Full PDB file with SEQRES, HELIX, SHEET, SSBOND, CRYST1, ORIGX, SCALE, CONECT and MASTER records, all heavy atoms in Angstrom:
SEQRES   1 A   35  SER SER SER ASP GLY SER THR TYR TYR ALA ASP SER VAL          
SEQRES   2 A   35  LYS GLY ARG PHE THR ILE SER ARG ASP ASN ALA LYS ASN          
SEQRES   3 A   35  THR VAL TYR LEU GLN MET ASN SER LEU                          
HELIX    1 AA1 ASN A   23  LYS A   25  5                                   3    
SHEET    1 AA1 2 PHE A  17  ASP A  22  0                                        
SHEET    2 AA1 2 THR A  27  MET A  32 -1                                        
CRYST1    1.000    1.000    1.000  90.00  90.00  90.00 P 1           1          
ORIGX1      1.000000  0.000000  0.000000        0.00000                         
ORIGX2      0.000000  1.000000  0.000000        0.00000                         
ORIGX3      0.000000  0.000000  1.000000        0.00000                         
SCALE1      1.000000  0.000000  0.000000        0.00000                         
SCALE2      0.000000  1.000000  0.000000        0.00000                         
SCALE3      0.000000  0.000000  1.000000        0.00000                         
ATOM      1  N   SER A   1      29.875  36.629  10.600  1.00  0.00           N  
ATOM      2  CA  SER A   1      28.425  36.542  10.600  1.00  0.00           C  
ATOM      3  C   SER A   1      27.921  36.441  12.086  1.00  0.00           C  
ATOM      4  O   SER A   1      28.765  36.224  12.951  1.00  0.00           O  
ATOM      5  CB  SER A   1      27.945  35.291   9.917  1.00  0.00           C  
ATOM      6  OG  SER A   1      28.332  34.205  10.673  1.00  0.00           O  
ATOM      7  N   SER A   2      26.648  36.623  12.307  1.00  0.00           N  
ATOM      8  CA  SER A   2      26.014  36.552  13.607  1.00  0.00           C  
ATOM      9  C   SER A   2      25.714  35.127  13.932  1.00  0.00           C  
ATOM     10  O   SER A   2      25.590  34.789  15.184  1.00  0.00           O  
ATOM     11  CB  SER A   2      24.804  37.354  13.729  1.00  0.00           C  
ATOM     12  OG  SER A   2      23.737  36.848  12.632  1.00  0.00           O  
ATOM     13  N   SER A   3      25.573  34.372  12.934  1.00  0.00           N  
ATOM     14  CA  SER A   3      25.035  32.926  13.202  1.00  0.00           C  
ATOM     15  C   SER A   3      26.081  31.854  13.344  1.00  0.00           C  
ATOM     16  O   SER A   3      26.229  31.363  14.425  1.00  0.00           O  
ATOM     17  CB  SER A   3      23.976  32.550  12.072  1.00  0.00           C  
ATOM     18  OG  SER A   3      24.704  32.734  10.814  1.00  0.00           O  
ATOM     19  N   ASP A   4      26.718  31.536  12.310  1.00  0.00           N  
ATOM     20  CA  ASP A   4      27.625  30.352  12.232  1.00  0.00           C  
ATOM     21  C   ASP A   4      29.119  30.784  12.389  1.00  0.00           C  
ATOM     22  O   ASP A   4      29.972  29.897  12.327  1.00  0.00           O  
ATOM     23  CB  ASP A   4      27.423  29.634  11.033  1.00  0.00           C  
ATOM     24  CG  ASP A   4      27.663  30.296   9.703  1.00  0.00           C  
ATOM     25  OD1 ASP A   4      28.016  31.538   9.775  1.00  0.00           O  
ATOM     26  OD2 ASP A   4      27.476  29.746   8.631  1.00  0.00           O  
ATOM     27  N   GLY A   5      29.418  32.042  12.474  1.00  0.00           N  
ATOM     28  CA  GLY A   5      30.836  32.534  12.630  1.00  0.00           C  
ATOM     29  C   GLY A   5      31.581  32.516  11.406  1.00  0.00           C  
ATOM     30  O   GLY A   5      32.807  32.612  11.355  1.00  0.00           O  
ATOM     31  N   SER A   6      30.866  32.388  10.235  1.00  0.00           N  
ATOM     32  CA  SER A   6      31.567  32.351   9.011  1.00  0.00           C  
ATOM     33  C   SER A   6      32.154  33.914   8.865  1.00  0.00           C  
ATOM     34  O   SER A   6      31.722  34.849   9.380  1.00  0.00           O  
ATOM     35  CB  SER A   6      30.632  32.148   7.791  1.00  0.00           C  
ATOM     36  OG  SER A   6      29.553  33.055   7.779  1.00  0.00           O  
ATOM     37  N   THR A   7      33.275  33.828   8.014  1.00  0.00           N  
ATOM     38  CA  THR A   7      34.003  35.022   7.807  1.00  0.00           C  
ATOM     39  C   THR A   7      34.214  35.369   6.393  1.00  0.00           C  
ATOM     40  O   THR A   7      34.106  34.524   5.513  1.00  0.00           O  
ATOM     41  CB  THR A   7      35.379  34.988   8.599  1.00  0.00           C  
ATOM     42  OG1 THR A   7      36.024  33.781   8.144  1.00  0.00           O  
ATOM     43  CG2 THR A   7      35.181  34.805  10.134  1.00  0.00           C  
ATOM     44  N   TYR A   8      34.598  36.637   6.203  1.00  0.00           N  
ATOM     45  CA  TYR A   8      34.950  37.088   4.821  1.00  0.00           C  
ATOM     46  C   TYR A   8      36.066  38.048   4.968  1.00  0.00           C  
ATOM     47  O   TYR A   8      36.177  38.827   5.873  1.00  0.00           O  
ATOM     48  CB  TYR A   8      33.649  37.863   4.285  1.00  0.00           C  
ATOM     49  CG  TYR A   8      33.900  38.489   2.886  1.00  0.00           C  
ATOM     50  CD1 TYR A   8      33.613  37.805   1.668  1.00  0.00           C  
ATOM     51  CD2 TYR A   8      34.512  39.716   2.793  1.00  0.00           C  
ATOM     52  CE1 TYR A   8      33.770  38.363   0.562  1.00  0.00           C  
ATOM     53  CE2 TYR A   8      34.752  40.323   1.557  1.00  0.00           C  
ATOM     54  CZ  TYR A   8      34.374  39.631   0.403  1.00  0.00           C  
ATOM     55  OH  TYR A   8      34.604  40.190  -0.847  1.00  0.00           O  
ATOM     56  N   TYR A   9      37.053  37.864   4.041  1.00  0.00           N  
ATOM     57  CA  TYR A   9      38.183  38.780   3.998  1.00  0.00           C  
ATOM     58  C   TYR A   9      38.466  39.385   2.666  1.00  0.00           C  
ATOM     59  O   TYR A   9      38.222  38.630   1.628  1.00  0.00           O  
ATOM     60  CB  TYR A   9      39.392  38.082   4.435  1.00  0.00           C  
ATOM     61  CG  TYR A   9      39.432  37.480   5.878  1.00  0.00           C  
ATOM     62  CD1 TYR A   9      38.920  36.188   6.159  1.00  0.00           C  
ATOM     63  CD2 TYR A   9      39.889  38.241   6.875  1.00  0.00           C  
ATOM     64  CE1 TYR A   9      38.975  35.776   7.418  1.00  0.00           C  
ATOM     65  CE2 TYR A   9      39.900  37.809   8.186  1.00  0.00           C  
ATOM     66  CZ  TYR A   9      39.338  36.506   8.458  1.00  0.00           C  
ATOM     67  OH  TYR A   9      39.317  36.097   9.766  1.00  0.00           O  
ATOM     68  N   ALA A  10      38.850  40.706   2.600  1.00  0.00           N  
ATOM     69  CA  ALA A  10      39.245  41.255   1.334  1.00  0.00           C  
ATOM     70  C   ALA A  10      40.539  40.545   0.909  1.00  0.00           C  
ATOM     71  O   ALA A  10      41.354  40.040   1.738  1.00  0.00           O  
ATOM     72  CB  ALA A  10      39.486  42.695   1.567  1.00  0.00           C  
ATOM     73  N   ASP A  11      40.691  40.371  -0.358  1.00  0.00           N  
ATOM     74  CA  ASP A  11      41.896  39.712  -0.856  1.00  0.00           C  
ATOM     75  C   ASP A  11      43.174  40.359  -0.425  1.00  0.00           C  
ATOM     76  O   ASP A  11      44.240  39.659  -0.144  1.00  0.00           O  
ATOM     77  CB  ASP A  11      41.913  39.804  -2.407  1.00  0.00           C  
ATOM     78  CG  ASP A  11      40.853  38.839  -3.113  1.00  0.00           C  
ATOM     79  OD1 ASP A  11      40.376  37.983  -2.366  1.00  0.00           O  
ATOM     80  OD2 ASP A  11      40.602  39.158  -4.230  1.00  0.00           O  
ATOM     81  N   SER A  12      43.147  41.616  -0.155  1.00  0.00           N  
ATOM     82  CA  SER A  12      44.459  42.314   0.240  1.00  0.00           C  
ATOM     83  C   SER A  12      44.846  41.975   1.696  1.00  0.00           C  
ATOM     84  O   SER A  12      46.075  42.208   2.009  1.00  0.00           O  
ATOM     85  CB  SER A  12      44.220  43.866   0.240  1.00  0.00           C  
ATOM     86  OG  SER A  12      43.090  44.282   1.060  1.00  0.00           O  
ATOM     87  N   VAL A  13      43.927  41.327   2.532  1.00  0.00           N  
ATOM     88  CA  VAL A  13      44.305  41.017   3.861  1.00  0.00           C  
ATOM     89  C   VAL A  13      44.311  39.573   4.146  1.00  0.00           C  
ATOM     90  O   VAL A  13      44.598  39.092   5.328  1.00  0.00           O  
ATOM     91  CB  VAL A  13      43.420  41.791   4.878  1.00  0.00           C  
ATOM     92  CG1 VAL A  13      43.606  43.251   4.661  1.00  0.00           C  
ATOM     93  CG2 VAL A  13      41.978  41.290   4.790  1.00  0.00           C  
ATOM     94  N   LYS A  14      43.872  38.757   3.158  1.00  0.00           N  
ATOM     95  CA  LYS A  14      43.769  37.283   3.415  1.00  0.00           C  
ATOM     96  C   LYS A  14      45.051  36.753   3.850  1.00  0.00           C  
ATOM     97  O   LYS A  14      46.129  37.019   3.271  1.00  0.00           O  
ATOM     98  CB  LYS A  14      43.312  36.569   2.103  1.00  0.00           C  
ATOM     99  CG  LYS A  14      41.765  36.577   1.962  1.00  0.00           C  
ATOM    100  CD  LYS A  14      41.361  35.910   0.634  1.00  0.00           C  
ATOM    101  CE  LYS A  14      39.940  36.038   0.417  1.00  0.00           C  
ATOM    102  NZ  LYS A  14      39.473  35.420  -0.896  1.00  0.00           N  
ATOM    103  N   GLY A  15      45.060  35.880   4.915  1.00  0.00           N  
ATOM    104  CA  GLY A  15      46.248  35.265   5.371  1.00  0.00           C  
ATOM    105  C   GLY A  15      46.990  36.090   6.409  1.00  0.00           C  
ATOM    106  O   GLY A  15      47.862  35.622   6.998  1.00  0.00           O  
ATOM    107  N   ARG A  16      46.644  37.332   6.506  1.00  0.00           N  
ATOM    108  CA  ARG A  16      47.346  38.290   7.467  1.00  0.00           C  
ATOM    109  C   ARG A  16      46.434  38.723   8.660  1.00  0.00           C  
ATOM    110  O   ARG A  16      46.916  38.935   9.763  1.00  0.00           O  
ATOM    111  CB  ARG A  16      47.877  39.462   6.766  1.00  0.00           C  
ATOM    112  CG  ARG A  16      48.860  39.145   5.626  1.00  0.00           C  
ATOM    113  CD  ARG A  16      49.517  40.410   5.092  1.00  0.00           C  
ATOM    114  NE  ARG A  16      48.496  41.314   4.438  1.00  0.00           N  
ATOM    115  CZ  ARG A  16      48.340  42.565   4.850  1.00  0.00           C  
ATOM    116  NH1 ARG A  16      49.050  43.063   5.752  1.00  0.00           N  
ATOM    117  NH2 ARG A  16      47.420  43.381   4.212  1.00  0.00           N  
ATOM    118  N   PHE A  17      45.116  38.955   8.358  1.00  0.00           N  
ATOM    119  CA  PHE A  17      44.157  39.405   9.345  1.00  0.00           C  
ATOM    120  C   PHE A  17      43.252  38.301   9.625  1.00  0.00           C  
ATOM    121  O   PHE A  17      42.780  37.425   8.867  1.00  0.00           O  
ATOM    122  CB  PHE A  17      43.299  40.542   8.701  1.00  0.00           C  
ATOM    123  CG  PHE A  17      44.051  41.877   8.394  1.00  0.00           C  
ATOM    124  CD1 PHE A  17      45.441  41.896   8.555  1.00  0.00           C  
ATOM    125  CD2 PHE A  17      43.410  42.967   8.144  1.00  0.00           C  
ATOM    126  CE1 PHE A  17      46.191  43.103   8.260  1.00  0.00           C  
ATOM    127  CE2 PHE A  17      44.122  44.257   7.863  1.00  0.00           C  
ATOM    128  CZ  PHE A  17      45.426  44.219   7.955  1.00  0.00           C  
ATOM    129  N   THR A  18      42.805  38.367  10.897  1.00  0.00           N  
ATOM    130  CA  THR A  18      41.782  37.406  11.450  1.00  0.00           C  
ATOM    131  C   THR A  18      40.801  38.078  12.289  1.00  0.00           C  
ATOM    132  O   THR A  18      41.123  38.852  13.184  1.00  0.00           O  
ATOM    133  CB  THR A  18      42.525  36.317  12.420  1.00  0.00           C  
ATOM    134  OG1 THR A  18      43.548  35.656  11.601  1.00  0.00           O  
ATOM    135  CG2 THR A  18      41.535  35.253  12.802  1.00  0.00           C  
ATOM    136  N   ILE A  19      39.494  37.802  11.926  1.00  0.00           N  
ATOM    137  CA  ILE A  19      38.373  38.470  12.755  1.00  0.00           C  
ATOM    138  C   ILE A  19      37.814  37.440  13.632  1.00  0.00           C  
ATOM    139  O   ILE A  19      37.788  36.248  13.341  1.00  0.00           O  
ATOM    140  CB  ILE A  19      37.363  39.063  11.841  1.00  0.00           C  
ATOM    141  CG1 ILE A  19      36.269  39.901  12.490  1.00  0.00           C  
ATOM    142  CG2 ILE A  19      36.682  37.921  10.972  1.00  0.00           C  
ATOM    143  CD1 ILE A  19      35.380  40.650  11.593  1.00  0.00           C  
ATOM    144  N   SER A  20      37.464  37.893  14.791  1.00  0.00           N  
ATOM    145  CA  SER A  20      36.789  37.041  15.728  1.00  0.00           C  
ATOM    146  C   SER A  20      35.873  37.814  16.651  1.00  0.00           C  
ATOM    147  O   SER A  20      35.932  39.056  16.672  1.00  0.00           O  
ATOM    148  CB  SER A  20      37.922  36.346  16.683  1.00  0.00           C  
ATOM    149  OG  SER A  20      38.596  37.357  17.425  1.00  0.00           O  
ATOM    150  N   ARG A  21      35.026  37.118  17.289  1.00  0.00           N  
ATOM    151  CA  ARG A  21      33.942  37.822  18.118  1.00  0.00           C  
ATOM    152  C   ARG A  21      33.908  37.082  19.449  1.00  0.00           C  
ATOM    153  O   ARG A  21      34.143  35.820  19.547  1.00  0.00           O  
ATOM    154  CB  ARG A  21      32.679  37.830  17.501  1.00  0.00           C  
ATOM    155  CG  ARG A  21      31.929  36.553  17.148  1.00  0.00           C  
ATOM    156  CD  ARG A  21      30.765  36.760  16.197  1.00  0.00           C  
ATOM    157  NE  ARG A  21      29.824  37.584  16.823  1.00  0.00           N  
ATOM    158  CZ  ARG A  21      28.932  38.286  16.051  1.00  0.00           C  
ATOM    159  NH1 ARG A  21      28.845  38.179  14.780  1.00  0.00           N  
ATOM    160  NH2 ARG A  21      28.031  39.081  16.717  1.00  0.00           N  
ATOM    161  N   ASP A  22      33.747  37.853  20.585  1.00  0.00           N  
ATOM    162  CA  ASP A  22      33.490  37.369  21.883  1.00  0.00           C  
ATOM    163  C   ASP A  22      32.174  37.804  22.390  1.00  0.00           C  
ATOM    164  O   ASP A  22      32.187  39.016  22.859  1.00  0.00           O  
ATOM    165  CB  ASP A  22      34.725  37.741  22.755  1.00  0.00           C  
ATOM    166  CG  ASP A  22      34.647  37.210  24.221  1.00  0.00           C  
ATOM    167  OD1 ASP A  22      33.531  36.726  24.589  1.00  0.00           O  
ATOM    168  OD2 ASP A  22      35.692  37.029  24.892  1.00  0.00           O  
ATOM    169  N   ASN A  23      31.156  37.136  22.177  1.00  0.00           N  
ATOM    170  CA  ASN A  23      29.781  37.550  22.507  1.00  0.00           C  
ATOM    171  C   ASN A  23      29.681  37.888  23.954  1.00  0.00           C  
ATOM    172  O   ASN A  23      28.886  38.780  24.393  1.00  0.00           O  
ATOM    173  CB  ASN A  23      28.840  36.570  21.979  1.00  0.00           C  
ATOM    174  CG  ASN A  23      28.643  36.545  20.519  1.00  0.00           C  
ATOM    175  OD1 ASN A  23      29.050  37.495  19.833  1.00  0.00           O  
ATOM    176  ND2 ASN A  23      28.082  35.561  19.971  1.00  0.00           N  
ATOM    177  N   ALA A  24      30.466  37.093  24.781  1.00  0.00           N  
ATOM    178  CA  ALA A  24      30.313  37.368  26.295  1.00  0.00           C  
ATOM    179  C   ALA A  24      30.853  38.697  26.619  1.00  0.00           C  
ATOM    180  O   ALA A  24      30.381  39.392  27.537  1.00  0.00           O  
ATOM    181  CB  ALA A  24      31.086  36.317  26.952  1.00  0.00           C  
ATOM    182  N   LYS A  25      31.807  39.160  25.876  1.00  0.00           N  
ATOM    183  CA  LYS A  25      32.347  40.552  26.058  1.00  0.00           C  
ATOM    184  C   LYS A  25      31.733  41.637  25.145  1.00  0.00           C  
ATOM    185  O   LYS A  25      32.088  42.794  25.260  1.00  0.00           O  
ATOM    186  CB  LYS A  25      33.879  40.532  25.950  1.00  0.00           C  
ATOM    187  CG  LYS A  25      34.604  39.731  26.872  1.00  0.00           C  
ATOM    188  CD  LYS A  25      36.096  39.764  26.713  1.00  0.00           C  
ATOM    189  CE  LYS A  25      36.858  38.990  27.888  1.00  0.00           C  
ATOM    190  NZ  LYS A  25      38.313  39.067  27.613  1.00  0.00           N  
ATOM    191  N   ASN A  26      30.818  41.123  24.332  1.00  0.00           N  
ATOM    192  CA  ASN A  26      30.147  42.098  23.454  1.00  0.00           C  
ATOM    193  C   ASN A  26      31.233  42.821  22.538  1.00  0.00           C  
ATOM    194  O   ASN A  26      31.119  44.057  22.282  1.00  0.00           O  
ATOM    195  CB  ASN A  26      29.252  43.007  24.160  1.00  0.00           C  
ATOM    196  CG  ASN A  26      27.962  43.405  23.411  1.00  0.00           C  
ATOM    197  OD1 ASN A  26      27.507  42.535  22.588  1.00  0.00           O  
ATOM    198  ND2 ASN A  26      27.399  44.401  23.660  1.00  0.00           N  
ATOM    199  N   THR A  27      32.181  42.064  22.074  1.00  0.00           N  
ATOM    200  CA  THR A  27      33.280  42.717  21.337  1.00  0.00           C  
ATOM    201  C   THR A  27      33.798  41.899  20.232  1.00  0.00           C  
ATOM    202  O   THR A  27      33.603  40.584  20.292  1.00  0.00           O  
ATOM    203  CB  THR A  27      34.561  42.869  22.382  1.00  0.00           C  
ATOM    204  OG1 THR A  27      34.099  43.678  23.489  1.00  0.00           O  
ATOM    205  CG2 THR A  27      35.617  43.597  21.668  1.00  0.00           C  
ATOM    206  N   VAL A  28      34.145  42.576  19.124  1.00  0.00           N  
ATOM    207  CA  VAL A  28      34.716  41.903  17.957  1.00  0.00           C  
ATOM    208  C   VAL A  28      36.178  42.328  17.820  1.00  0.00           C  
ATOM    209  O   VAL A  28      36.489  43.660  18.047  1.00  0.00           O  
ATOM    210  CB  VAL A  28      33.918  42.146  16.793  1.00  0.00           C  
ATOM    211  CG1 VAL A  28      34.526  41.615  15.420  1.00  0.00           C  
ATOM    212  CG2 VAL A  28      32.498  41.482  16.896  1.00  0.00           C  
ATOM    213  N   TYR A  29      36.975  41.475  17.485  1.00  0.00           N  
ATOM    214  CA  TYR A  29      38.536  41.787  17.269  1.00  0.00           C  
ATOM    215  C   TYR A  29      38.872  41.754  15.790  1.00  0.00           C  
ATOM    216  O   TYR A  29      38.382  40.851  15.058  1.00  0.00           O  
ATOM    217  CB  TYR A  29      39.248  40.908  18.193  1.00  0.00           C  
ATOM    218  CG  TYR A  29      38.856  40.917  19.657  1.00  0.00           C  
ATOM    219  CD1 TYR A  29      38.107  40.019  20.184  1.00  0.00           C  
ATOM    220  CD2 TYR A  29      39.257  41.960  20.377  1.00  0.00           C  
ATOM    221  CE1 TYR A  29      37.670  39.975  21.498  1.00  0.00           C  
ATOM    222  CE2 TYR A  29      39.032  41.922  21.793  1.00  0.00           C  
ATOM    223  CZ  TYR A  29      38.180  40.969  22.311  1.00  0.00           C  
ATOM    224  OH  TYR A  29      37.808  40.974  23.680  1.00  0.00           O  
ATOM    225  N   LEU A  30      40.001  42.464  15.511  1.00  0.00           N  
ATOM    226  CA  LEU A  30      40.598  42.220  14.293  1.00  0.00           C  
ATOM    227  C   LEU A  30      42.106  42.110  14.496  1.00  0.00           C  
ATOM    228  O   LEU A  30      42.792  43.093  14.897  1.00  0.00           O  
ATOM    229  CB  LEU A  30      40.299  43.363  13.341  1.00  0.00           C  
ATOM    230  CG  LEU A  30      40.941  43.153  11.823  1.00  0.00           C  
ATOM    231  CD1 LEU A  30      40.214  42.050  11.149  1.00  0.00           C  
ATOM    232  CD2 LEU A  30      40.867  44.463  11.086  1.00  0.00           C  
ATOM    233  N   GLN A  31      42.642  40.830  14.420  1.00  0.00           N  
ATOM    234  CA  GLN A  31      44.089  40.701  14.616  1.00  0.00           C  
ATOM    235  C   GLN A  31      44.731  40.791  13.302  1.00  0.00           C  
ATOM    236  O   GLN A  31      44.329  40.195  12.291  1.00  0.00           O  
ATOM    237  CB  GLN A  31      44.308  39.212  15.229  1.00  0.00           C  
ATOM    238  CG  GLN A  31      45.778  38.916  15.246  1.00  0.00           C  
ATOM    239  CD  GLN A  31      46.447  39.675  16.343  1.00  0.00           C  
ATOM    240  OE1 GLN A  31      45.917  39.836  17.484  1.00  0.00           O  
ATOM    241  NE2 GLN A  31      47.646  40.066  16.165  1.00  0.00           N  
ATOM    242  N   MET A  32      45.677  41.792  13.305  1.00  0.00           N  
ATOM    243  CA  MET A  32      46.256  42.157  12.145  1.00  0.00           C  
ATOM    244  C   MET A  32      47.834  41.806  12.194  1.00  0.00           C  
ATOM    245  O   MET A  32      48.514  42.354  13.068  1.00  0.00           O  
ATOM    246  CB  MET A  32      46.101  43.699  11.764  1.00  0.00           C  
ATOM    247  CG  MET A  32      44.722  44.111  11.777  1.00  0.00           C  
ATOM    248  SD  MET A  32      44.419  45.850  11.168  1.00  0.00           S  
ATOM    249  CE  MET A  32      45.358  46.667  12.465  1.00  0.00           C  
ATOM    250  N   ASN A  33      48.320  40.862  11.434  1.00  0.00           N  
ATOM    251  CA  ASN A  33      49.758  40.432  11.371  1.00  0.00           C  
ATOM    252  C   ASN A  33      50.376  40.873  10.006  1.00  0.00           C  
ATOM    253  O   ASN A  33      49.694  41.168   9.101  1.00  0.00           O  
ATOM    254  CB  ASN A  33      49.841  38.959  11.581  1.00  0.00           C  
ATOM    255  CG  ASN A  33      49.225  38.552  12.885  1.00  0.00           C  
ATOM    256  OD1 ASN A  33      49.317  39.323  13.896  1.00  0.00           O  
ATOM    257  ND2 ASN A  33      48.684  37.405  12.975  1.00  0.00           N  
ATOM    258  N   SER A  34      51.618  40.848  10.073  1.00  0.00           N  
ATOM    259  CA  SER A  34      52.352  41.162   8.839  1.00  0.00           C  
ATOM    260  C   SER A  34      51.936  42.483   8.186  1.00  0.00           C  
ATOM    261  O   SER A  34      51.623  42.510   7.000  1.00  0.00           O  
ATOM    262  CB  SER A  34      52.342  39.935   7.814  1.00  0.00           C  
ATOM    263  OG  SER A  34      52.794  38.820   8.381  1.00  0.00           O  
ATOM    264  N   LEU A  35      51.861  43.497   8.943  1.00  0.00           N  
ATOM    265  CA  LEU A  35      51.286  44.708   8.533  1.00  0.00           C  
ATOM    266  C   LEU A  35      52.166  45.338   7.496  1.00  0.00           C  
ATOM    267  O   LEU A  35      53.408  45.234   7.552  1.00  0.00           O  
ATOM    268  CB  LEU A  35      50.994  45.658   9.638  1.00  0.00           C  
ATOM    269  CG  LEU A  35      49.750  45.271  10.523  1.00  0.00           C  
ATOM    270  CD1 LEU A  35      49.773  46.054  11.869  1.00  0.00           C  
ATOM    271  CD2 LEU A  35      48.587  45.818   9.655  1.00  0.00           C  
TER     272      LEU A  35                                                      
MASTER        0    0    0    1    2    0    0    6  271    1    0    3          
END                                                                             
């Protein structure tokens, strides 16, 4: 989300992927583990 940083994950990636945002860099990341 834009406001409180809440996140949503598809069931297929829960526990493996992590989304984050760095507003200072104007960038959003998706860390994908256990691919």
